[in-house]
Amino acid sequence: MVDVIARHVDTESEAQALLDNSPINELRDLRIECDQESLLISGRVCCFYHKQVAQETIRNVADGLRVVNSVLVD
């Protein structure tokens, strides 16, 4: 169980780092949360394209977790 929690913390940190280092400024303001089943992306962006880019950016590190995109488009 401890290994699973540690792995999810690592996954959350890695996903957040990907967004924090994105060339798209808006993605740097998004937040990642991880639970036992999913990675949740939250925050606001100006267009649907950026919402999709955020989702695809973290999909590669999701490590079997479901990606939940709760980003709002203004």
C-alpha atoms as a PDB file:
ATOM      1  CA  MET A   1       0.000   0.000   0.000  1.00  0.00           C
ATOM      2  CA  VAL A   2       2.824   2.416   0.863  1.00  0.00           C
ATOM      3  CA  ASP A   3       4.435   1.705  -2.517  1.00  0.00           C
ATOM      4  CA  VAL A   4       1.179   2.575  -4.300  1.00  0.00           C
ATOM      5  CA  ILE A   5       0.875   5.866  -2.418  1.00  0.00           C
ATOM      6  CA  ALA A   6       4.501   6.746  -3.130  1.00  0.00           C
ATOM      7  CA  ARG A   7       4.042   5.915  -6.808  1.00  0.00           C
ATOM      8  CA  HIS A   8       0.964   8.174  -7.009  1.00  0.00           C
ATOM      9  CA  VAL A   9       2.827  11.021  -5.298  1.00  0.00           C
ATOM     10  CA  ASP A  10       5.622  10.614  -7.848  1.00  0.00           C
ATOM     11  CA  THR A  11       3.104  10.540 -10.696  1.00  0.00           C
ATOM     12  CA  GLU A  12       1.378  13.675  -9.391  1.00  0.00           C
ATOM     13  CA  SER A  13       4.716  15.484  -9.065  1.00  0.00           C
ATOM     14  CA  GLU A  14       5.836  14.430 -12.526  1.00  0.00           C
ATOM     15  CA  ALA A  15       2.546  15.507 -14.123  1.00  0.00           C
ATOM     16  CA  GLN A  16       2.660  18.858 -12.313  1.00  0.00           C
ATOM     17  CA  ALA A  17       6.262  19.399 -13.444  1.00  0.00           C
ATOM     18  CA  LEU A  18       5.271  18.781 -17.067  1.00  0.00           C
ATOM     19  CA  LEU A  19       2.599  21.479 -16.850  1.00  0.00           C
ATOM     20  CA  ASP A  20       4.841  23.846 -14.873  1.00  0.00           C
ATOM     21  CA  ASN A  21       7.471  23.630 -17.625  1.00  0.00           C
ATOM     22  CA  SER A  22       5.056  23.879 -20.551  1.00  0.00           C
ATOM     23  CA  PRO A  23       5.825  26.403 -23.297  1.00  0.00           C
ATOM     24  CA  ILE A  24       2.140  27.384 -23.030  1.00  0.00           C
ATOM     25  CA  ASN A  25       1.977  29.891 -20.152  1.00  0.00           C
ATOM     26  CA  GLU A  26      -1.623  29.061 -19.228  1.00  0.00           C
ATOM     27  CA  LEU A  27      -0.781  25.442 -18.539  1.00  0.00           C
ATOM     28  CA  ARG A  28       1.676  26.527 -15.858  1.00  0.00           C
ATOM     29  CA  ASP A  29      -1.255  27.749 -13.730  1.00  0.00           C
ATOM     30  CA  LEU A  30      -3.122  24.427 -13.827  1.00  0.00           C
ATOM     31  CA  ARG A  31      -3.055  22.084 -10.845  1.00  0.00           C
ATOM     32  CA  ILE A  32      -2.789  18.314 -10.601  1.00  0.00           C
ATOM     33  CA  GLU A  33      -4.285  16.167  -7.852  1.00  0.00           C
ATOM     34  CA  CYS A  34      -3.947  12.414  -7.613  1.00  0.00           C
ATOM     35  CA  ASP A  35      -6.020   9.829  -5.785  1.00  0.00           C
ATOM     36  CA  GLN A  36      -5.937   6.046  -5.963  1.00  0.00           C
ATOM     37  CA  GLU A  37      -7.714   5.922  -9.317  1.00  0.00           C
ATOM     38  CA  SER A  38      -7.150   9.166 -11.183  1.00  0.00           C
ATOM     39  CA  LEU A  39      -5.157  12.264 -11.985  1.00  0.00           C
ATOM     40  CA  LEU A  40      -7.318  15.389 -11.861  1.00  0.00           C
ATOM     41  CA  ILE A  41      -6.373  18.496 -13.827  1.00  0.00           C
ATOM     42  CA  SER A  42      -8.033  21.720 -12.687  1.00  0.00           C
ATOM     43  CA  GLY A  43      -7.820  25.425 -13.414  1.00  0.00           C
ATOM     44  CA  ARG A  44      -8.753  27.739 -16.271  1.00  0.00           C
ATOM     45  CA  VAL A  45      -7.521  28.260 -19.822  1.00  0.00           C
ATOM     46  CA  CYS A  46      -8.672  30.524 -22.655  1.00  0.00           C
ATOM     47  CA  CYS A  47      -9.405  27.861 -25.276  1.00  0.00           C
ATOM     48  CA  PHE A  48     -10.418  24.243 -25.706  1.00  0.00           C
ATOM     49  CA  TYR A  49      -7.141  23.516 -27.494  1.00  0.00           C
ATOM     50  CA  HIS A  50      -5.129  24.347 -24.352  1.00  0.00           C
ATOM     51  CA  LYS A  51      -7.452  22.150 -22.293  1.00  0.00           C
ATOM     52  CA  GLN A  52      -6.710  19.250 -24.637  1.00  0.00           C
ATOM     53  CA  VAL A  53      -2.968  19.957 -24.671  1.00  0.00           C
ATOM     54  CA  ALA A  54      -2.924  19.808 -20.860  1.00  0.00           C
ATOM     55  CA  GLN A  55      -4.693  16.455 -20.912  1.00  0.00           C
ATOM     56  CA  GLU A  56      -2.393  14.961 -23.506  1.00  0.00           C
ATOM     57  CA  THR A  57       0.685  16.358 -21.750  1.00  0.00           C
ATOM     58  CA  ILE A  58       0.020  14.359 -18.596  1.00  0.00           C
ATOM     59  CA  ARG A  59      -1.477  11.270 -20.228  1.00  0.00           C
ATOM     60  CA  ASN A  60       1.980   9.755 -20.794  1.00  0.00           C
ATOM     61  CA  VAL A  61       2.804   9.836 -17.072  1.00  0.00           C
ATOM     62  CA  ALA A  62      -0.640   8.725 -15.841  1.00  0.00           C
ATOM     63  CA  ASP A  63       0.755   5.226 -15.217  1.00  0.00           C
ATOM     64  CA  GLY A  64      -2.587   3.442 -15.485  1.00  0.00           C
ATOM     65  CA  LEU A  65      -4.531   6.164 -13.681  1.00  0.00           C
ATOM     66  CA  ARG A  66      -7.622   7.676 -15.273  1.00  0.00           C
ATOM     67  CA  VAL A  67      -7.084  11.284 -16.426  1.00  0.00           C
ATOM     68  CA  VAL A  68      -9.939  13.570 -15.326  1.00  0.00           C
ATOM     69  CA  ASN A  69      -9.900  16.915 -17.100  1.00  0.00           C
ATOM     70  CA  SER A  70     -11.820  19.489 -15.044  1.00  0.00           C
ATOM     71  CA  VAL A  71     -10.170  22.479 -16.673  1.00  0.00           C
ATOM     72  CA  LEU A  72     -12.609  25.305 -17.413  1.00  0.00           C
ATOM     73  CA  VAL A  73     -12.456  27.209 -20.687  1.00  0.00           C
ATOM     74  CA  ASP A  74     -13.106  30.951 -20.436  1.00  0.00           C
END
